[in-house]
Amino acid sequence: MQARTGKKMRVLVVPGNGKTGRRVAMKLMGKDVEVRRGSRSGDVVFDWGDRTSWAGALERVDAVYMAYVPDLSVPGARETVGAFADLAIGMGVKKLVLLSGRGEAKALAAEEAVLGKEGVDVTVVRPAWFNQNFDEGEFYELVMGGLIVLPAGDVKEPFIDVEDIADVVVAVLMGDGHGGEVYELTGPRLMDFDEVAVEISSRSGRRVVYEAIEMDAFVAGLLGQGMPEDYVGMLRYLFGELMDGRNAYVTDDVKRVLGRDAKDFRAYVDEAVKNGVWEVNVKA
């Protein structure tokens, strides 16, 4: 994609400090792209909940990578991302890449609010659950405690490495021919959480086991720990909606875009171990 000014391509990444966003930003900067990293407290102020912050972040931007926080499944997401897309197009943005979720009906509604917009190339990426949830995300503390307790039963998931997601996003932002595409990004194999625990244990030397739990007990435990009700409600939705086997398949979309296979979970674990992320008092 050529910048409209003939100068460096300018890309807005929002939020620029998330799991995918910060990686996308770093990879783009490595390709001599001018990156604007939007966040509530960063140099480029951006807040999904404050529409007055949008225009300043979009100033003279050629393309946008957008990851809606907290999730496209929450009330109001469809209207918000649709309004943002309209503003971006009105300000001259020519390419939008939206991070979505696999198998989520509510996320699909938000996608439809962006796909099909005139005057802009829109691409949707729908990744599987992130490998990095286990070393820098929601499941890190569970791994460190040696017990992954989740209401996931024995359902299998094709966990995807966030580095692969970022590589796909960068390729889409900088390349042509991706307008209107929906890429489902998965790792190369299906794994249940028990297999995840075994993989981490066998390669890290840290004993980790998986224990399935009923949803009501899971929710009660989180609320008992003082977790916000809206966050717990989102987790109830995600586990209840997605852990029914609907996403238990792999795709070749990473290879379609990048020309190479997606990273296997074992390679992710080996890299995490090498970086010491599961050592005592060390966190990625």
Protein backbone atom coordinates (compact mmCIF):
# COMPACT_ATOMS: atom_id res chain seq x y z
CA MET A 1 0.00 0.00 0.00
CA GLN A 2 1.36 3.40 -0.95
CA ALA A 3 0.98 6.34 1.40
CA ARG A 4 -1.36 8.95 -0.02
CA THR A 5 1.15 11.76 0.56
CA GLY A 6 4.09 10.08 -1.13
CA LYS A 7 5.85 10.10 2.25
CA LYS A 8 6.10 7.29 4.78
CA MET A 9 2.98 5.20 5.21
CA ARG A 10 1.22 6.22 8.43
CA VAL A 11 -0.67 3.57 10.38
CA LEU A 12 -2.79 3.97 13.51
CA VAL A 13 -2.72 0.98 15.86
CA VAL A 14 -5.44 0.93 18.52
CA PRO A 15 -4.85 0.04 21.20
CA GLY A 16 -1.12 0.23 20.66
CA ASN A 17 -0.23 -1.43 23.96
CA GLY A 18 -2.24 -4.66 23.72
CA LYS A 19 -1.01 -8.19 23.00
CA THR A 20 -1.44 -7.84 19.26
CA GLY A 21 -1.23 -4.07 18.96
CA ARG A 22 2.23 -3.60 20.40
CA ARG A 23 3.60 -6.38 18.21
CA VAL A 24 1.97 -4.99 15.09
CA ALA A 25 3.41 -1.55 15.91
CA MET A 26 6.95 -2.86 16.42
CA LYS A 27 6.89 -4.90 13.22
CA LEU A 28 5.61 -1.94 11.21
CA MET A 29 8.31 0.34 12.62
CA GLY A 30 10.85 -2.26 11.52
CA LYS A 31 9.55 -1.76 7.98
CA ASP A 32 10.05 2.02 8.07
CA VAL A 33 6.35 2.76 8.58
CA GLU A 34 5.26 5.75 10.66
CA VAL A 35 3.19 4.27 13.48
CA ARG A 36 0.73 6.04 15.74
CA ARG A 37 0.11 3.93 18.85
CA GLY A 38 -3.21 4.96 20.30
CA SER A 39 -4.03 4.41 23.97
CA ARG A 40 -5.71 6.20 26.85
CA SER A 41 -2.43 7.42 28.33
CA GLY A 42 0.00 7.33 25.39
CA ASP A 43 1.40 10.08 23.19
CA VAL A 44 -1.49 9.46 20.79
CA VAL A 45 -4.57 9.63 23.01
CA PHE A 46 -7.27 7.16 21.99
CA ASP A 47 -10.15 5.74 23.98
CA TRP A 48 -12.90 3.58 22.47
CA GLY A 49 -15.25 5.04 25.07
CA ASP A 50 -14.44 8.68 24.24
CA ARG A 51 -15.35 9.53 20.64
CA THR A 52 -13.80 12.98 20.98
CA SER A 53 -10.37 11.27 21.02
CA TRP A 54 -10.82 9.55 17.65
CA ALA A 55 -10.28 12.36 15.16
CA GLY A 56 -6.94 13.46 16.59
CA ALA A 57 -5.62 9.90 16.46
CA LEU A 58 -6.78 9.52 12.84
CA GLU A 59 -5.12 12.69 11.55
CA ARG A 60 -3.34 12.06 8.20
CA VAL A 61 -3.52 8.29 8.70
CA ASP A 62 -3.40 5.89 5.72
CA ALA A 63 -4.41 2.65 7.44
CA VAL A 64 -5.71 1.44 10.80
CA TYR A 65 -5.38 -1.74 12.82
CA MET A 66 -8.26 -1.85 15.28
CA ALA A 67 -8.75 -4.19 18.22
CA TYR A 68 -11.88 -3.30 20.19
CA VAL A 69 -11.49 -3.43 23.96
CA PRO A 70 -12.70 -5.26 25.95
CA ASP A 71 -14.29 -7.50 23.29
CA LEU A 72 -16.55 -7.27 20.25
CA SER A 73 -19.15 -9.31 22.15
CA VAL A 74 -19.96 -6.55 24.65
CA PRO A 75 -23.03 -4.31 24.26
CA GLY A 76 -22.45 -1.33 22.01
CA ALA A 77 -19.42 -2.76 20.21
CA ARG A 78 -21.15 -2.93 16.83
CA GLU A 79 -22.25 0.68 16.96
CA THR A 80 -18.87 1.88 18.21
CA VAL A 81 -16.68 0.18 15.62
CA GLY A 82 -19.13 1.16 12.88
CA ALA A 83 -18.99 4.81 13.90
CA PHE A 84 -15.20 4.71 14.11
CA ALA A 85 -14.97 3.17 10.63
CA ASP A 86 -17.21 5.89 9.22
CA LEU A 87 -15.05 8.61 10.77
CA ALA A 88 -11.85 6.97 9.52
CA ILE A 89 -13.19 6.76 5.97
CA GLY A 90 -14.32 10.37 6.13
CA MET A 91 -10.81 11.39 7.15
CA GLY A 92 -9.23 9.59 4.21
CA VAL A 93 -8.19 6.23 5.64
CA LYS A 94 -7.92 3.68 2.83
CA LYS A 95 -7.42 0.43 4.73
CA LEU A 96 -8.92 -1.02 7.93
CA VAL A 97 -7.95 -4.29 9.61
CA LEU A 98 -10.31 -5.44 12.36
CA LEU A 99 -9.41 -8.01 15.02
CA SER A 100 -12.42 -10.23 15.64
CA GLY A 101 -13.12 -13.64 17.19
CA ARG A 102 -13.90 -17.09 15.81
CA GLY A 103 -17.40 -18.42 16.23
CA GLU A 104 -18.77 -15.40 18.07
CA ALA A 105 -22.20 -14.35 16.81
CA LYS A 106 -21.93 -10.98 18.53
CA ALA A 107 -18.51 -10.36 17.00
CA LEU A 108 -19.98 -11.19 13.58
CA ALA A 109 -22.48 -8.37 14.02
CA ALA A 110 -19.60 -5.96 14.69
CA GLU A 111 -17.74 -7.23 11.62
CA GLU A 112 -20.79 -6.52 9.48
CA ALA A 113 -20.74 -2.92 10.69
CA VAL A 114 -17.31 -2.50 9.07
CA LEU A 115 -17.21 -4.91 6.13
CA GLY A 116 -18.69 -3.57 2.93
CA LYS A 117 -17.94 0.07 3.66
CA GLU A 118 -17.31 2.00 0.44
CA GLY A 119 -14.06 3.84 -0.21
CA VAL A 120 -11.91 1.60 2.02
CA ASP A 121 -10.39 -1.88 1.99
CA VAL A 122 -11.57 -3.80 5.06
CA THR A 123 -10.00 -7.05 6.23
CA VAL A 124 -11.10 -9.08 9.25
CA VAL A 125 -8.78 -11.39 11.15
CA ARG A 126 -10.41 -13.96 13.44
CA PRO A 127 -7.74 -15.65 15.55
CA ALA A 128 -8.10 -18.68 17.77
CA TRP A 129 -7.23 -18.35 21.47
CA PHE A 130 -3.75 -16.91 21.98
CA ASN A 131 -0.74 -18.98 23.07
CA GLN A 132 0.41 -15.91 24.97
CA ASN A 133 -2.56 -16.08 27.32
CA PHE A 134 -0.46 -18.59 29.24
CA ASP A 135 2.59 -16.39 29.78
CA GLU A 136 1.45 -12.76 29.62
CA GLY A 137 -2.30 -12.94 29.87
CA GLU A 138 -5.30 -14.26 31.69
CA PHE A 139 -3.93 -17.75 32.38
CA TYR A 140 -0.44 -16.78 33.55
CA GLU A 141 -1.27 -16.86 37.25
CA LEU A 142 -2.94 -20.25 36.80
CA VAL A 143 0.20 -21.67 35.23
CA MET A 144 2.34 -20.18 37.99
CA GLY A 145 0.03 -21.74 40.58
CA GLY A 146 0.36 -25.12 38.89
CA LEU A 147 -3.39 -25.56 38.35
CA ILE A 148 -5.34 -24.43 35.29
CA VAL A 149 -8.97 -24.44 36.43
CA LEU A 150 -11.37 -23.49 33.64
CA PRO A 151 -14.89 -24.39 32.44
CA ALA A 152 -13.57 -25.80 29.17
CA GLY A 153 -14.18 -29.53 29.57
CA ASP A 154 -12.17 -31.53 27.04
CA VAL A 155 -12.93 -29.25 24.08
CA LYS A 156 -10.01 -28.77 21.71
CA GLU A 157 -8.77 -25.41 20.44
CA PRO A 158 -6.16 -24.61 17.71
CA PHE A 159 -4.18 -22.11 19.81
CA ILE A 160 -2.46 -19.41 17.72
CA ASP A 161 0.77 -17.54 18.41
CA VAL A 162 0.32 -13.78 18.67
CA GLU A 163 3.48 -13.25 16.63
CA ASP A 164 1.76 -15.02 13.74
CA ILE A 165 -1.30 -12.81 14.13
CA ALA A 166 0.88 -9.69 14.05
CA ASP A 167 2.75 -10.93 10.97
CA VAL A 168 -0.55 -11.48 9.16
CA VAL A 169 -1.85 -8.04 10.12
CA VAL A 170 1.34 -6.36 8.92
CA ALA A 171 1.23 -8.26 5.63
CA VAL A 172 -2.39 -7.18 5.12
CA LEU A 173 -1.70 -3.55 6.01
CA MET A 174 1.25 -3.29 3.66
CA GLY A 175 0.04 -5.52 0.85
CA ASP A 176 -2.69 -5.54 -1.74
CA GLY A 177 -5.53 -7.91 -2.52
CA HIS A 178 -6.84 -8.39 1.02
CA GLY A 179 -9.88 -6.12 0.86
CA GLY A 180 -13.08 -7.93 1.86
CA GLU A 181 -11.20 -11.00 3.12
CA VAL A 182 -11.94 -12.71 6.44
CA TYR A 183 -8.95 -14.70 7.69
CA GLU A 184 -9.44 -17.31 10.41
CA LEU A 185 -6.05 -17.69 12.04
CA THR A 186 -5.24 -20.91 13.87
CA GLY A 187 -2.25 -22.87 14.98
CA PRO A 188 -1.39 -26.13 13.17
CA ARG A 189 -3.02 -28.56 15.64
CA LEU A 190 -5.92 -28.99 18.03
CA MET A 191 -5.22 -29.22 21.77
CA ASP A 192 -7.41 -29.38 24.85
CA PHE A 193 -6.35 -27.69 28.07
CA ASP A 194 -5.10 -30.94 29.53
CA GLU A 195 -2.71 -31.31 26.60
CA VAL A 196 -1.66 -27.69 27.07
CA ALA A 197 -0.82 -28.37 30.72
CA VAL A 198 1.16 -31.50 29.79
CA GLU A 199 3.10 -29.60 27.12
CA ILE A 200 4.02 -26.80 29.50
CA SER A 201 4.93 -29.22 32.30
CA SER A 202 7.07 -31.52 30.18
CA ARG A 203 9.10 -28.74 28.63
CA SER A 204 9.33 -26.22 31.48
CA GLY A 205 9.92 -28.51 34.44
CA ARG A 206 7.08 -26.73 36.26
CA ARG A 207 4.28 -29.08 37.31
CA VAL A 208 1.05 -27.82 35.78
CA VAL A 209 -2.24 -29.72 35.63
CA TYR A 210 -5.64 -28.91 34.19
CA GLU A 211 -8.89 -29.29 36.11
CA ALA A 212 -12.26 -28.80 34.45
CA ILE A 213 -14.85 -26.93 36.50
CA GLU A 214 -18.56 -26.30 36.08
CA MET A 215 -19.50 -22.83 34.88
CA ASP A 216 -21.49 -21.83 37.98
CA ALA A 217 -18.62 -22.76 40.28
CA PHE A 218 -16.16 -20.93 38.03
CA VAL A 219 -18.24 -17.75 38.08
CA ALA A 220 -18.82 -17.93 41.83
CA GLY A 221 -15.09 -18.32 42.40
CA LEU A 222 -14.23 -15.27 40.31
CA LEU A 223 -16.86 -13.13 42.00
CA GLY A 224 -15.60 -14.35 45.36
CA GLN A 225 -12.15 -13.09 44.41
CA GLY A 226 -13.61 -9.62 43.82
CA MET A 227 -13.54 -9.72 40.02
CA PRO A 228 -15.80 -7.06 38.42
CA GLU A 229 -19.20 -8.43 37.44
CA ASP A 230 -18.97 -7.19 33.85
CA TYR A 231 -15.60 -8.91 33.36
CA VAL A 232 -16.91 -12.14 34.87
CA GLY A 233 -19.96 -11.89 32.65
CA MET A 234 -17.75 -11.59 29.58
CA LEU A 235 -15.80 -14.70 30.61
CA ARG A 236 -19.06 -16.58 31.18
CA TYR A 237 -20.15 -15.63 27.68
CA LEU A 238 -16.84 -16.53 26.03
CA PHE A 239 -16.46 -19.92 27.69
CA GLY A 240 -20.14 -20.74 27.43
CA GLU A 241 -20.37 -19.62 23.81
CA LEU A 242 -17.11 -20.92 22.39
CA MET A 243 -16.19 -24.03 24.37
CA ASP A 244 -18.73 -26.27 22.66
CA GLY A 245 -16.50 -27.60 19.89
CA ARG A 246 -17.57 -25.12 17.21
CA ASN A 247 -13.98 -23.94 16.74
CA ALA A 248 -12.32 -27.36 16.90
CA TYR A 249 -10.74 -27.19 13.45
CA VAL A 250 -7.59 -25.73 11.90
CA THR A 251 -7.24 -23.50 8.86
CA ASP A 252 -4.39 -22.69 6.48
CA ASP A 253 -5.06 -18.94 6.47
CA VAL A 254 -1.72 -18.09 8.10
CA LYS A 255 0.00 -19.90 5.24
CA ARG A 256 -2.30 -18.27 2.67
CA VAL A 257 -1.16 -14.83 3.77
CA LEU A 258 2.45 -15.45 4.84
CA GLY A 259 3.48 -18.42 2.72
CA ARG A 260 4.58 -20.39 5.79
CA ASP A 261 3.01 -22.56 8.46
CA ALA A 262 1.77 -21.19 11.75
CA LYS A 263 3.95 -21.73 14.83
CA ASP A 264 3.21 -24.88 16.81
CA PHE A 265 2.34 -24.60 20.50
CA ARG A 266 5.46 -26.60 21.41
CA ALA A 267 7.70 -24.02 19.74
CA TYR A 268 5.90 -21.29 21.69
CA VAL A 269 6.48 -23.14 24.97
CA ASP A 270 10.16 -23.68 24.20
CA GLU A 271 10.59 -19.98 23.49
CA ALA A 272 8.76 -19.01 26.68
CA VAL A 273 10.95 -21.36 28.70
CA LYS A 274 14.08 -19.93 27.07
CA ASN A 275 12.93 -16.44 28.07
CA GLY A 276 12.29 -17.55 31.66
CA VAL A 277 8.69 -16.36 31.76
CA TRP A 278 7.51 -19.14 34.10
CA GLU A 279 10.39 -18.89 36.52
CA VAL A 280 9.56 -17.80 40.06
CA ASN A 281 8.96 -14.03 40.34
CA VAL A 282 9.45 -13.55 36.60
CA LYS A 283 6.59 -12.43 34.39
CA ALA A 284 6.56 -11.51 30.71
